[in-house]
């Protein structure tokens, strides 16, 4: 009887290990993992994943290497990720541009709905609608009224076409019916400098980049871009509270893997990310960057991505925006 039971057990184990998903998960990871960050070194997205990489290496038992492949509003790096073997050893990092690019770029090198699979949202960053003090508006309602009286006279800065600042302002214009003039810069830092100097009038700046200028009176904060208030600026209302119902725009990033990656491997990656993001000193350092750790599961992140694609398609179509 014991011999029969042993044979049955052995057969069942062999069958389970032969099952593609379970077999892949058992052998994953078998070599170094590369995280393709589609932006230059030193940016906020790059910094987050360089913080996570050594912890993920400990968690997964293999080297985890960050590889920067910037260009074309993140599509160069993500195209490389999409065309990599679907074995879990190549991850692509998506952010707010992922939801807007299919509508902004006429010829995408990959299909955003099919070629990459969401694994986990990693962080979110709230922005703050900031004005140069010379702008005669002290509330969102006053700003909207001013912009409607003076269409295409108020300008706003951004870190470039398709950046979080650009998209946040585009959604603001879409929901308020205002027309503002876009002044793109090569990065968020120069965009903040331009606002402080008065070269531009308005910017949806990340809170870490603007908070010291706000506290010093060099910038005026009108509202935060998230649906909930920020603990960093608790007295500042949300844009929705301040008179633009339904408004929300957040900078975010998350991990994607090539389509065809087994569910078991996807789940393993998600669990590893969640454990690392829950480590107290990791969470503390992410907060210190002005971000918030998320660690959502694949289903939650998939729903989030679908919503982003829908929202930004409406905004881009409504305003006729294209990447120049």
C-alpha atoms as a PDB file:
ATOM      1  CA  UNK A   1       0.000   0.000   0.000  1.00  0.00           C
ATOM      2  CA  UNK A   2       2.811   2.382   0.928  1.00  0.00           C
ATOM      3  CA  UNK A   3       4.551   1.524  -2.320  1.00  0.00           C
ATOM      4  CA  UNK A   4       1.397   2.339  -4.328  1.00  0.00           C
ATOM      5  CA  UNK A   5       0.888   5.601  -2.421  1.00  0.00           C
ATOM      6  CA  UNK A   6       4.512   6.566  -3.057  1.00  0.00           C
ATOM      7  CA  UNK A   7       4.118   5.859  -6.781  1.00  0.00           C
ATOM      8  CA  UNK A   8       0.911   7.944  -6.982  1.00  0.00           C
ATOM      9  CA  UNK A   9       2.504  10.821  -5.079  1.00  0.00           C
ATOM     10  CA  UNK A  10       5.585  10.761  -7.299  1.00  0.00           C
ATOM     11  CA  UNK A  11       3.422  10.754 -10.429  1.00  0.00           C
ATOM     12  CA  UNK A  12       1.349  13.712  -9.182  1.00  0.00           C
ATOM     13  CA  UNK A  13       4.457  15.725  -8.322  1.00  0.00           C
ATOM     14  CA  UNK A  14       5.973  15.040 -11.719  1.00  0.00           C
ATOM     15  CA  UNK A  15       2.750  16.123 -13.405  1.00  0.00           C
ATOM     16  CA  UNK A  16       2.607  19.325 -11.390  1.00  0.00           C
ATOM     17  CA  UNK A  17       6.209  20.197 -12.155  1.00  0.00           C
ATOM     18  CA  UNK A  18       5.592  19.517 -15.824  1.00  0.00           C
ATOM     19  CA  UNK A  19       2.742  22.031 -15.841  1.00  0.00           C
ATOM     20  CA  UNK A  20       4.189  25.118 -17.591  1.00  0.00           C
ATOM     21  CA  UNK A  21       3.269  27.715 -14.996  1.00  0.00           C
ATOM     22  CA  UNK A  22       4.359  25.739 -11.962  1.00  0.00           C
ATOM     23  CA  UNK A  23       7.497  24.475 -13.657  1.00  0.00           C
ATOM     24  CA  UNK A  24       8.472  28.005 -14.610  1.00  0.00           C
ATOM     25  CA  UNK A  25       7.844  29.277 -11.093  1.00  0.00           C
ATOM     26  CA  UNK A  26       9.941  26.452  -9.605  1.00  0.00           C
ATOM     27  CA  UNK A  27      12.935  27.402 -11.755  1.00  0.00           C
ATOM     28  CA  UNK A  28      12.452  31.185 -11.530  1.00  0.00           C
ATOM     29  CA  UNK A  29      14.698  33.075 -11.281  1.00  0.00           C
ATOM     30  CA  UNK A  30      17.513  31.090 -12.816  1.00  0.00           C
ATOM     31  CA  UNK A  31      19.776  34.046 -13.692  1.00  0.00           C
ATOM     32  CA  UNK A  32      20.115  37.818 -13.264  1.00  0.00           C
ATOM     33  CA  UNK A  33      16.995  39.964 -13.588  1.00  0.00           C
ATOM     34  CA  UNK A  34      17.167  43.246 -15.453  1.00  0.00           C
ATOM     35  CA  UNK A  35      14.811  46.113 -14.743  1.00  0.00           C
ATOM     36  CA  UNK A  36      14.543  48.378 -17.788  1.00  0.00           C
ATOM     37  CA  UNK A  37      13.964  51.958 -16.654  1.00  0.00           C
ATOM     38  CA  UNK A  38      12.954  53.939 -19.772  1.00  0.00           C
ATOM     39  CA  UNK A  39      14.445  57.174 -18.434  1.00  0.00           C
ATOM     40  CA  UNK A  40      17.908  58.579 -17.808  1.00  0.00           C
ATOM     41  CA  UNK A  41      19.884  57.805 -14.632  1.00  0.00           C
ATOM     42  CA  UNK A  42      19.231  60.077 -11.676  1.00  0.00           C
ATOM     43  CA  UNK A  43      15.530  60.739 -12.263  1.00  0.00           C
ATOM     44  CA  UNK A  44      12.886  59.866  -9.672  1.00  0.00           C
ATOM     45  CA  UNK A  45      11.885  56.601 -11.384  1.00  0.00           C
ATOM     46  CA  UNK A  46      15.510  55.496 -11.694  1.00  0.00           C
ATOM     47  CA  UNK A  47      16.230  56.347  -8.047  1.00  0.00           C
ATOM     48  CA  UNK A  48      13.278  54.279  -6.789  1.00  0.00           C
ATOM     49  CA  UNK A  49      14.316  51.141  -8.662  1.00  0.00           C
ATOM     50  CA  UNK A  50      17.976  51.499  -7.724  1.00  0.00           C
ATOM     51  CA  UNK A  51      16.789  51.599  -4.117  1.00  0.00           C
ATOM     52  CA  UNK A  52      14.729  48.435  -4.610  1.00  0.00           C
ATOM     53  CA  UNK A  53      17.252  46.452  -6.700  1.00  0.00           C
ATOM     54  CA  UNK A  54      19.569  45.189  -3.906  1.00  0.00           C
ATOM     55  CA  UNK A  55      16.603  44.237  -1.708  1.00  0.00           C
ATOM     56  CA  UNK A  56      14.965  42.399  -4.605  1.00  0.00           C
ATOM     57  CA  UNK A  57      18.238  40.597  -5.236  1.00  0.00           C
ATOM     58  CA  UNK A  58      18.218  39.337  -1.634  1.00  0.00           C
ATOM     59  CA  UNK A  59      14.571  38.339  -1.954  1.00  0.00           C
ATOM     60  CA  UNK A  60      14.944  36.482  -5.255  1.00  0.00           C
ATOM     61  CA  UNK A  61      18.432  35.064  -4.792  1.00  0.00           C
ATOM     62  CA  UNK A  62      19.759  36.445  -8.088  1.00  0.00           C
ATOM     63  CA  UNK A  63      21.403  39.733  -9.145  1.00  0.00           C
ATOM     64  CA  UNK A  64      18.884  42.463 -10.033  1.00  0.00           C
ATOM     65  CA  UNK A  65      20.307  45.082 -12.402  1.00  0.00           C
ATOM     66  CA  UNK A  66      18.769  48.406 -13.424  1.00  0.00           C
ATOM     67  CA  UNK A  67      19.280  49.216 -17.110  1.00  0.00           C
ATOM     68  CA  UNK A  68      18.472  52.712 -18.401  1.00  0.00           C
ATOM     69  CA  UNK A  69      17.013  52.903 -21.918  1.00  0.00           C
ATOM     70  CA  UNK A  70      15.644  56.471 -22.229  1.00  0.00           C
ATOM     71  CA  UNK A  71      13.920  58.083 -25.186  1.00  0.00           C
ATOM     72  CA  UNK A  72      10.660  58.596 -27.081  1.00  0.00           C
ATOM     73  CA  UNK A  73       8.542  59.218 -23.989  1.00  0.00           C
ATOM     74  CA  UNK A  74       9.527  55.844 -22.461  1.00  0.00           C
ATOM     75  CA  UNK A  75       8.602  53.767 -25.524  1.00  0.00           C
ATOM     76  CA  UNK A  76      12.178  52.738 -26.419  1.00  0.00           C
ATOM     77  CA  UNK A  77      12.773  51.003 -23.111  1.00  0.00           C
ATOM     78  CA  UNK A  78       9.319  49.479 -22.877  1.00  0.00           C
ATOM     79  CA  UNK A  79       9.506  48.181 -26.439  1.00  0.00           C
ATOM     80  CA  UNK A  80      12.701  46.380 -25.487  1.00  0.00           C
ATOM     81  CA  UNK A  81      10.938  44.873 -22.472  1.00  0.00           C
ATOM     82  CA  UNK A  82       7.908  43.852 -24.557  1.00  0.00           C
ATOM     83  CA  UNK A  83      10.115  42.004 -27.047  1.00  0.00           C
ATOM     84  CA  UNK A  84      12.148  40.155 -24.382  1.00  0.00           C
ATOM     85  CA  UNK A  85      11.615  36.444 -23.597  1.00  0.00           C
ATOM     86  CA  UNK A  86       8.517  35.996 -21.389  1.00  0.00           C
ATOM     87  CA  UNK A  87      10.338  34.206 -18.595  1.00  0.00           C
ATOM     88  CA  UNK A  88      10.244  36.845 -15.852  1.00  0.00           C
ATOM     89  CA  UNK A  89      13.898  37.837 -16.144  1.00  0.00           C
ATOM     90  CA  UNK A  90      13.194  41.190 -17.867  1.00  0.00           C
ATOM     91  CA  UNK A  91      10.944  43.790 -16.270  1.00  0.00           C
ATOM     92  CA  UNK A  92       9.829  47.076 -17.809  1.00  0.00           C
ATOM     93  CA  UNK A  93       8.977  50.129 -15.729  1.00  0.00           C
ATOM     94  CA  UNK A  94       5.850  52.006 -16.793  1.00  0.00           C
ATOM     95  CA  UNK A  95       4.650  55.366 -15.514  1.00  0.00           C
ATOM     96  CA  UNK A  96       1.973  57.958 -16.305  1.00  0.00           C
ATOM     97  CA  UNK A  97       3.234  58.215 -19.910  1.00  0.00           C
ATOM     98  CA  UNK A  98       2.188  54.586 -20.484  1.00  0.00           C
ATOM     99  CA  UNK A  99      -1.481  55.551 -20.351  1.00  0.00           C
ATOM    100  CA  UNK A 100      -1.113  58.534 -22.664  1.00  0.00           C
ATOM    101  CA  UNK A 101       1.410  57.324 -25.247  1.00  0.00           C
ATOM    102  CA  UNK A 102      -1.000  55.240 -27.378  1.00  0.00           C
ATOM    103  CA  UNK A 103      -3.054  58.404 -27.916  1.00  0.00           C
ATOM    104  CA  UNK A 104      -0.116  60.794 -28.231  1.00  0.00           C
ATOM    105  CA  UNK A 105       2.095  58.737 -30.563  1.00  0.00           C
ATOM    106  CA  UNK A 106       0.730  57.735 -33.957  1.00  0.00           C
ATOM    107  CA  UNK A 107       2.977  54.724 -34.513  1.00  0.00           C
ATOM    108  CA  UNK A 108       3.616  52.928 -31.262  1.00  0.00           C
ATOM    109  CA  UNK A 109       6.339  50.240 -31.492  1.00  0.00           C
ATOM    110  CA  UNK A 110       4.299  47.887 -29.295  1.00  0.00           C
ATOM    111  CA  UNK A 111       0.672  47.349 -28.260  1.00  0.00           C
ATOM    112  CA  UNK A 112       0.117  48.799 -24.793  1.00  0.00           C
ATOM    113  CA  UNK A 113      -2.937  46.614 -24.199  1.00  0.00           C
ATOM    114  CA  UNK A 114      -1.455  43.306 -25.342  1.00  0.00           C
ATOM    115  CA  UNK A 115       2.345  43.178 -25.366  1.00  0.00           C
ATOM    116  CA  UNK A 116       3.075  43.916 -21.712  1.00  0.00           C
ATOM    117  CA  UNK A 117       1.352  42.517 -18.613  1.00  0.00           C
ATOM    118  CA  UNK A 118       0.927  44.545 -15.386  1.00  0.00           C
ATOM    119  CA  UNK A 119       2.530  43.014 -12.289  1.00  0.00           C
ATOM    120  CA  UNK A 120       2.419  45.680  -9.579  1.00  0.00           C
ATOM    121  CA  UNK A 121       2.145  49.405  -9.131  1.00  0.00           C
ATOM    122  CA  UNK A 122       5.194  50.393  -7.102  1.00  0.00           C
ATOM    123  CA  UNK A 123       4.883  54.074  -6.121  1.00  0.00           C
ATOM    124  CA  UNK A 124       2.715  57.136  -6.589  1.00  0.00           C
ATOM    125  CA  UNK A 125       3.719  60.803  -6.371  1.00  0.00           C
ATOM    126  CA  UNK A 126       1.273  63.654  -5.800  1.00  0.00           C
ATOM    127  CA  UNK A 127       1.679  66.940  -7.667  1.00  0.00           C
ATOM    128  CA  UNK A 128       0.751  70.427  -6.510  1.00  0.00           C
ATOM    129  CA  UNK A 129      -0.757  73.118  -8.735  1.00  0.00           C
ATOM    130  CA  UNK A 130       1.676  75.980  -8.168  1.00  0.00           C
ATOM    131  CA  UNK A 131       1.647  79.561  -9.406  1.00  0.00           C
ATOM    132  CA  UNK A 132       4.240  82.293  -9.567  1.00  0.00           C
ATOM    133  CA  UNK A 133       3.172  84.941  -6.989  1.00  0.00           C
ATOM    134  CA  UNK A 134       2.694  87.510  -9.763  1.00  0.00           C
ATOM    135  CA  UNK A 135      -0.358  85.617 -11.079  1.00  0.00           C
ATOM    136  CA  UNK A 136      -3.492  87.332  -9.670  1.00  0.00           C
ATOM    137  CA  UNK A 137      -5.277  84.135  -8.578  1.00  0.00           C
ATOM    138  CA  UNK A 138      -5.479  82.742  -5.059  1.00  0.00           C
ATOM    139  CA  UNK A 139      -7.761  79.786  -5.705  1.00  0.00           C
ATOM    140  CA  UNK A 140      -8.448  77.284  -8.452  1.00  0.00           C
ATOM    141  CA  UNK A 141     -11.748  78.993  -9.246  1.00  0.00           C
ATOM    142  CA  UNK A 142      -9.988  82.341  -9.634  1.00  0.00           C
ATOM    143  CA  UNK A 143      -7.351  80.738 -11.858  1.00  0.00           C
ATOM    144  CA  UNK A 144     -10.014  79.178 -14.095  1.00  0.00           C
ATOM    145  CA  UNK A 145     -11.862  82.496 -14.344  1.00  0.00           C
ATOM    146  CA  UNK A 146      -8.620  84.322 -15.189  1.00  0.00           C
ATOM    147  CA  UNK A 147      -7.682  81.742 -17.840  1.00  0.00           C
ATOM    148  CA  UNK A 148     -11.103  82.043 -19.459  1.00  0.00           C
ATOM    149  CA  UNK A 149     -10.813  85.827 -19.573  1.00  0.00           C
ATOM    150  CA  UNK A 150      -7.319  85.567 -21.037  1.00  0.00           C
ATOM    151  CA  UNK A 151      -7.263  82.438 -23.242  1.00  0.00           C
ATOM    152  CA  UNK A 152      -3.795  81.317 -24.393  1.00  0.00           C
ATOM    153  CA  UNK A 153      -2.095  84.044 -22.341  1.00  0.00           C
ATOM    154  CA  UNK A 154      -1.180  82.049 -19.211  1.00  0.00           C
ATOM    155  CA  UNK A 155       1.687  79.632 -19.778  1.00  0.00           C
ATOM    156  CA  UNK A 156       2.655  76.500 -17.884  1.00  0.00           C
ATOM    157  CA  UNK A 157       5.887  74.558 -17.666  1.00  0.00           C
ATOM    158  CA  UNK A 158       6.532  70.834 -17.852  1.00  0.00           C
ATOM    159  CA  UNK A 159       9.346  68.294 -17.947  1.00  0.00           C
ATOM    160  CA  UNK A 160       8.521  67.717 -21.625  1.00  0.00           C
ATOM    161  CA  UNK A 161       5.767  66.457 -23.890  1.00  0.00           C
ATOM    162  CA  UNK A 162       3.937  63.521 -22.333  1.00  0.00           C
ATOM    163  CA  UNK A 163       5.457  64.161 -18.880  1.00  0.00           C
ATOM    164  CA  UNK A 164       3.391  64.021 -15.701  1.00  0.00           C
ATOM    165  CA  UNK A 165       3.317  67.847 -15.484  1.00  0.00           C
ATOM    166  CA  UNK A 166       2.150  68.127 -19.080  1.00  0.00           C
ATOM    167  CA  UNK A 167      -0.555  65.490 -18.702  1.00  0.00           C
ATOM    168  CA  UNK A 168      -1.790  66.840 -15.367  1.00  0.00           C
ATOM    169  CA  UNK A 169      -2.241  70.289 -16.913  1.00  0.00           C
ATOM    170  CA  UNK A 170      -3.848  68.812 -20.019  1.00  0.00           C
ATOM    171  CA  UNK A 171      -6.471  67.118 -17.887  1.00  0.00           C
ATOM    172  CA  UNK A 172      -7.005  70.371 -15.990  1.00  0.00           C
ATOM    173  CA  UNK A 173      -7.631  72.211 -19.278  1.00  0.00           C
ATOM    174  CA  UNK A 174      -9.897  69.410 -20.509  1.00  0.00           C
ATOM    175  CA  UNK A 175     -12.124  69.521 -17.426  1.00  0.00           C
ATOM    176  CA  UNK A 176     -12.194  73.319 -17.032  1.00  0.00           C
ATOM    177  CA  UNK A 177     -12.436  74.334 -20.686  1.00  0.00           C
ATOM    178  CA  UNK A 178      -9.404  76.592 -20.398  1.00  0.00           C
ATOM    179  CA  UNK A 179      -6.615  77.203 -22.914  1.00  0.00           C
ATOM    180  CA  UNK A 180      -3.088  77.504 -21.551  1.00  0.00           C
ATOM    181  CA  UNK A 181       0.247  77.688 -23.379  1.00  0.00           C
ATOM    182  CA  UNK A 182       2.665  74.776 -22.936  1.00  0.00           C
ATOM    183  CA  UNK A 183       6.363  75.518 -22.344  1.00  0.00           C
ATOM    184  CA  UNK A 184       8.285  72.206 -22.223  1.00  0.00           C
ATOM    185  CA  UNK A 185      11.680  71.902 -20.542  1.00  0.00           C
ATOM    186  CA  UNK A 186      14.249  69.128 -20.417  1.00  0.00           C
ATOM    187  CA  UNK A 187      13.297  67.815 -16.994  1.00  0.00           C
ATOM    188  CA  UNK A 188      11.268  68.693 -13.932  1.00  0.00           C
ATOM    189  CA  UNK A 189      14.094  70.657 -12.279  1.00  0.00           C
ATOM    190  CA  UNK A 190      14.355  73.297 -15.035  1.00  0.00           C
ATOM    191  CA  UNK A 191      10.550  73.558 -15.097  1.00  0.00           C
ATOM    192  CA  UNK A 192      10.495  74.450 -11.383  1.00  0.00           C
ATOM    193  CA  UNK A 193      13.333  76.952 -11.850  1.00  0.00           C
ATOM    194  CA  UNK A 194      11.411  78.617 -14.677  1.00  0.00           C
ATOM    195  CA  UNK A 195       8.342  78.994 -12.460  1.00  0.00           C
ATOM    196  CA  UNK A 196      10.282  80.414  -9.519  1.00  0.00           C
ATOM    197  CA  UNK A 197      11.967  82.931 -11.835  1.00  0.00           C
ATOM    198  CA  UNK A 198       8.644  84.006 -13.358  1.00  0.00           C
ATOM    199  CA  UNK A 199       9.499  82.747 -16.814  1.00  0.00           C
ATOM    200  CA  UNK A 200       6.363  80.605 -16.605  1.00  0.00           C
ATOM    201  CA  UNK A 201       3.205  81.223 -14.596  1.00  0.00           C
ATOM    202  CA  UNK A 202       1.964  77.776 -13.596  1.00  0.00           C
ATOM    203  CA  UNK A 203       3.212  74.247 -12.986  1.00  0.00           C
ATOM    204  CA  UNK A 204       1.831  70.980 -11.667  1.00  0.00           C
ATOM    205  CA  UNK A 205       5.041  70.244  -9.764  1.00  0.00           C
ATOM    206  CA  UNK A 206       5.830  67.161  -7.727  1.00  0.00           C
ATOM    207  CA  UNK A 207       5.490  68.087  -4.065  1.00  0.00           C
ATOM    208  CA  UNK A 208       9.165  67.368  -3.202  1.00  0.00           C
ATOM    209  CA  UNK A 209      10.371  69.708  -5.951  1.00  0.00           C
ATOM    210  CA  UNK A 210       8.094  72.580  -4.941  1.00  0.00           C
ATOM    211  CA  UNK A 211       7.412  72.388  -1.201  1.00  0.00           C
ATOM    212  CA  UNK A 212      10.431  74.429  -0.059  1.00  0.00           C
ATOM    213  CA  UNK A 213       9.611  77.180  -2.561  1.00  0.00           C
ATOM    214  CA  UNK A 214       5.982  77.145  -1.361  1.00  0.00           C
ATOM    215  CA  UNK A 215       7.030  77.403   2.287  1.00  0.00           C
ATOM    216  CA  UNK A 216       9.403  80.263   1.449  1.00  0.00           C
ATOM    217  CA  UNK A 217       6.676  82.172  -0.406  1.00  0.00           C
ATOM    218  CA  UNK A 218       8.403  81.924  -3.769  1.00  0.00           C
ATOM    219  CA  UNK A 219       5.454  79.901  -5.129  1.00  0.00           C
ATOM    220  CA  UNK A 220       1.741  79.861  -4.352  1.00  0.00           C
ATOM    221  CA  UNK A 221       0.117  76.441  -3.894  1.00  0.00           C
ATOM    222  CA  UNK A 222      -3.512  76.249  -5.002  1.00  0.00           C
ATOM    223  CA  UNK A 223      -4.354  72.544  -4.895  1.00  0.00           C
ATOM    224  CA  UNK A 224      -2.932  69.017  -4.939  1.00  0.00           C
ATOM    225  CA  UNK A 225      -3.524  66.706  -7.862  1.00  0.00           C
ATOM    226  CA  UNK A 226      -4.609  63.537  -6.053  1.00  0.00           C
ATOM    227  CA  UNK A 227      -8.168  62.689  -4.998  1.00  0.00           C
ATOM    228  CA  UNK A 228      -7.100  62.870  -1.339  1.00  0.00           C
ATOM    229  CA  UNK A 229      -5.160  65.606   0.445  1.00  0.00           C
ATOM    230  CA  UNK A 230      -1.430  65.250   0.979  1.00  0.00           C
ATOM    231  CA  UNK A 231       0.045  64.854   4.460  1.00  0.00           C
ATOM    232  CA  UNK A 232       2.925  67.058   3.268  1.00  0.00           C
ATOM    233  CA  UNK A 233       0.508  69.941   2.533  1.00  0.00           C
ATOM    234  CA  UNK A 234      -2.540  69.140   4.686  1.00  0.00           C
ATOM    235  CA  UNK A 235      -4.078  72.619   4.439  1.00  0.00           C
ATOM    236  CA  UNK A 236      -4.051  72.631   0.633  1.00  0.00           C
ATOM    237  CA  UNK A 237      -7.288  71.294  -0.956  1.00  0.00           C
ATOM    238  CA  UNK A 238      -7.435  68.825  -3.805  1.00  0.00           C
ATOM    239  CA  UNK A 239      -8.179  70.175  -7.278  1.00  0.00           C
ATOM    240  CA  UNK A 240     -11.529  68.377  -7.102  1.00  0.00           C
ATOM    241  CA  UNK A 241     -12.370  70.019  -3.745  1.00  0.00           C
ATOM    242  CA  UNK A 242     -11.278  73.379  -5.103  1.00  0.00           C
ATOM    243  CA  UNK A 243     -13.820  73.387  -7.914  1.00  0.00           C
ATOM    244  CA  UNK A 244     -12.943  70.817 -10.598  1.00  0.00           C
ATOM    245  CA  UNK A 245     -15.054  67.714  -9.822  1.00  0.00           C
ATOM    246  CA  UNK A 246     -13.572  64.403 -10.922  1.00  0.00           C
ATOM    247  CA  UNK A 247     -10.047  65.741 -11.315  1.00  0.00           C
ATOM    248  CA  UNK A 248      -7.095  63.524 -10.405  1.00  0.00           C
ATOM    249  CA  UNK A 249      -3.634  63.151 -11.936  1.00  0.00           C
ATOM    250  CA  UNK A 250      -0.778  61.376 -10.212  1.00  0.00           C
ATOM    251  CA  UNK A 251       2.732  60.467 -11.219  1.00  0.00           C
ATOM    252  CA  UNK A 252       3.173  56.730 -10.731  1.00  0.00           C
ATOM    253  CA  UNK A 253       5.361  53.837 -11.728  1.00  0.00           C
ATOM    254  CA  UNK A 254       4.990  50.082 -11.835  1.00  0.00           C
ATOM    255  CA  UNK A 255       6.432  46.841 -13.140  1.00  0.00           C
ATOM    256  CA  UNK A 256       5.359  45.213 -16.419  1.00  0.00           C
ATOM    257  CA  UNK A 257       6.550  41.945 -17.961  1.00  0.00           C
ATOM    258  CA  UNK A 258       6.278  40.574 -21.512  1.00  0.00           C
ATOM    259  CA  UNK A 259       2.963  38.991 -22.515  1.00  0.00           C
ATOM    260  CA  UNK A 260       3.158  35.214 -22.239  1.00  0.00           C
ATOM    261  CA  UNK A 261       4.899  35.249 -18.853  1.00  0.00           C
ATOM    262  CA  UNK A 262       3.275  32.574 -16.691  1.00  0.00           C
ATOM    263  CA  UNK A 263       0.855  33.602 -13.961  1.00  0.00           C
ATOM    264  CA  UNK A 264       2.954  31.732 -11.408  1.00  0.00           C
ATOM    265  CA  UNK A 265       6.044  33.792 -12.276  1.00  0.00           C
ATOM    266  CA  UNK A 266       4.024  37.017 -12.281  1.00  0.00           C
ATOM    267  CA  UNK A 267       2.712  36.158  -8.828  1.00  0.00           C
ATOM    268  CA  UNK A 268       6.236  35.420  -7.580  1.00  0.00           C
ATOM    269  CA  UNK A 269       7.469  38.815  -8.821  1.00  0.00           C
ATOM    270  CA  UNK A 270       4.492  40.583  -7.239  1.00  0.00           C
ATOM    271  CA  UNK A 271       5.022  38.885  -3.888  1.00  0.00           C
ATOM    272  CA  UNK A 272       8.720  39.776  -3.926  1.00  0.00           C
ATOM    273  CA  UNK A 273       7.982  43.423  -4.715  1.00  0.00           C
ATOM    274  CA  UNK A 274       5.309  43.578  -1.997  1.00  0.00           C
ATOM    275  CA  UNK A 275       7.640  42.196   0.644  1.00  0.00           C
ATOM    276  CA  UNK A 276      10.433  44.607  -0.282  1.00  0.00           C
ATOM    277  CA  UNK A 277       8.083  47.616  -0.373  1.00  0.00           C
ATOM    278  CA  UNK A 278       6.825  46.685   3.107  1.00  0.00           C
ATOM    279  CA  UNK A 279      10.315  46.841   4.663  1.00  0.00           C
ATOM    280  CA  UNK A 280      10.193  49.851   7.066  1.00  0.00           C
ATOM    281  CA  UNK A 281      13.429  51.529   5.970  1.00  0.00           C
ATOM    282  CA  UNK A 282      12.490  51.091   2.282  1.00  0.00           C
ATOM    283  CA  UNK A 283       9.088  52.702   2.901  1.00  0.00           C
ATOM    284  CA  UNK A 284      10.775  55.494   4.846  1.00  0.00           C
ATOM    285  CA  UNK A 285      13.253  56.220   2.065  1.00  0.00           C
ATOM    286  CA  UNK A 286      10.469  56.228  -0.548  1.00  0.00           C
ATOM    287  CA  UNK A 287       8.510  58.726   1.574  1.00  0.00           C
ATOM    288  CA  UNK A 288      11.689  60.792   1.803  1.00  0.00           C
ATOM    289  CA  UNK A 289      11.640  60.985  -2.003  1.00  0.00           C
ATOM    290  CA  UNK A 290       8.135  62.439  -1.842  1.00  0.00           C
ATOM    291  CA  UNK A 291       6.519  59.211  -3.010  1.00  0.00           C
ATOM    292  CA  UNK A 292       4.304  56.543  -1.484  1.00  0.00           C
ATOM    293  CA  UNK A 293       4.858  52.791  -1.726  1.00  0.00           C
ATOM    294  CA  UNK A 294       1.924  50.867  -3.218  1.00  0.00           C
ATOM    295  CA  UNK A 295       2.604  47.200  -4.057  1.00  0.00           C
ATOM    296  CA  UNK A 296      -0.792  46.485  -5.669  1.00  0.00           C
ATOM    297  CA  UNK A 297      -1.543  43.012  -7.028  1.00  0.00           C
ATOM    298  CA  UNK A 298      -1.662  42.216 -10.779  1.00  0.00           C
ATOM    299  CA  UNK A 299      -5.470  42.462 -10.985  1.00  0.00           C
ATOM    300  CA  UNK A 300      -5.507  45.851  -9.239  1.00  0.00           C
ATOM    301  CA  UNK A 301      -2.703  47.189 -11.389  1.00  0.00           C
ATOM    302  CA  UNK A 302      -4.385  45.902 -14.570  1.00  0.00           C
ATOM    303  CA  UNK A 303      -7.575  47.767 -13.644  1.00  0.00           C
ATOM    304  CA  UNK A 304      -5.541  50.898 -12.924  1.00  0.00           C
ATOM    305  CA  UNK A 305      -3.781  50.682 -16.313  1.00  0.00           C
ATOM    306  CA  UNK A 306      -7.096  50.230 -18.164  1.00  0.00           C
ATOM    307  CA  UNK A 307      -8.452  53.333 -16.458  1.00  0.00           C
ATOM    308  CA  UNK A 308      -5.300  55.338 -17.308  1.00  0.00           C
ATOM    309  CA  UNK A 309      -5.567  54.371 -20.988  1.00  0.00           C
ATOM    310  CA  UNK A 310      -9.224  55.461 -21.043  1.00  0.00           C
ATOM    311  CA  UNK A 311      -8.716  58.718 -19.154  1.00  0.00           C
ATOM    312  CA  UNK A 312      -5.755  59.941 -21.190  1.00  0.00           C
ATOM    313  CA  UNK A 313      -7.337  58.944 -24.503  1.00  0.00           C
ATOM    314  CA  UNK A 314     -10.249  61.276 -23.691  1.00  0.00           C
ATOM    315  CA  UNK A 315      -7.925  64.109 -22.667  1.00  0.00           C
ATOM    316  CA  UNK A 316      -5.634  63.788 -25.696  1.00  0.00           C
ATOM    317  CA  UNK A 317      -8.546  63.550 -28.139  1.00  0.00           C
ATOM    318  CA  UNK A 318     -10.381  66.394 -26.467  1.00  0.00           C
ATOM    319  CA  UNK A 319      -7.427  68.768 -26.714  1.00  0.00           C
ATOM    320  CA  UNK A 320      -5.874  67.456 -29.915  1.00  0.00           C
ATOM    321  CA  UNK A 321      -2.464  66.975 -28.267  1.00  0.00           C
ATOM    322  CA  UNK A 322       0.371  65.317 -30.177  1.00  0.00           C
ATOM    323  CA  UNK A 323       3.996  64.659 -29.276  1.00  0.00           C
ATOM    324  CA  UNK A 324       6.261  67.049 -31.153  1.00  0.00           C
END
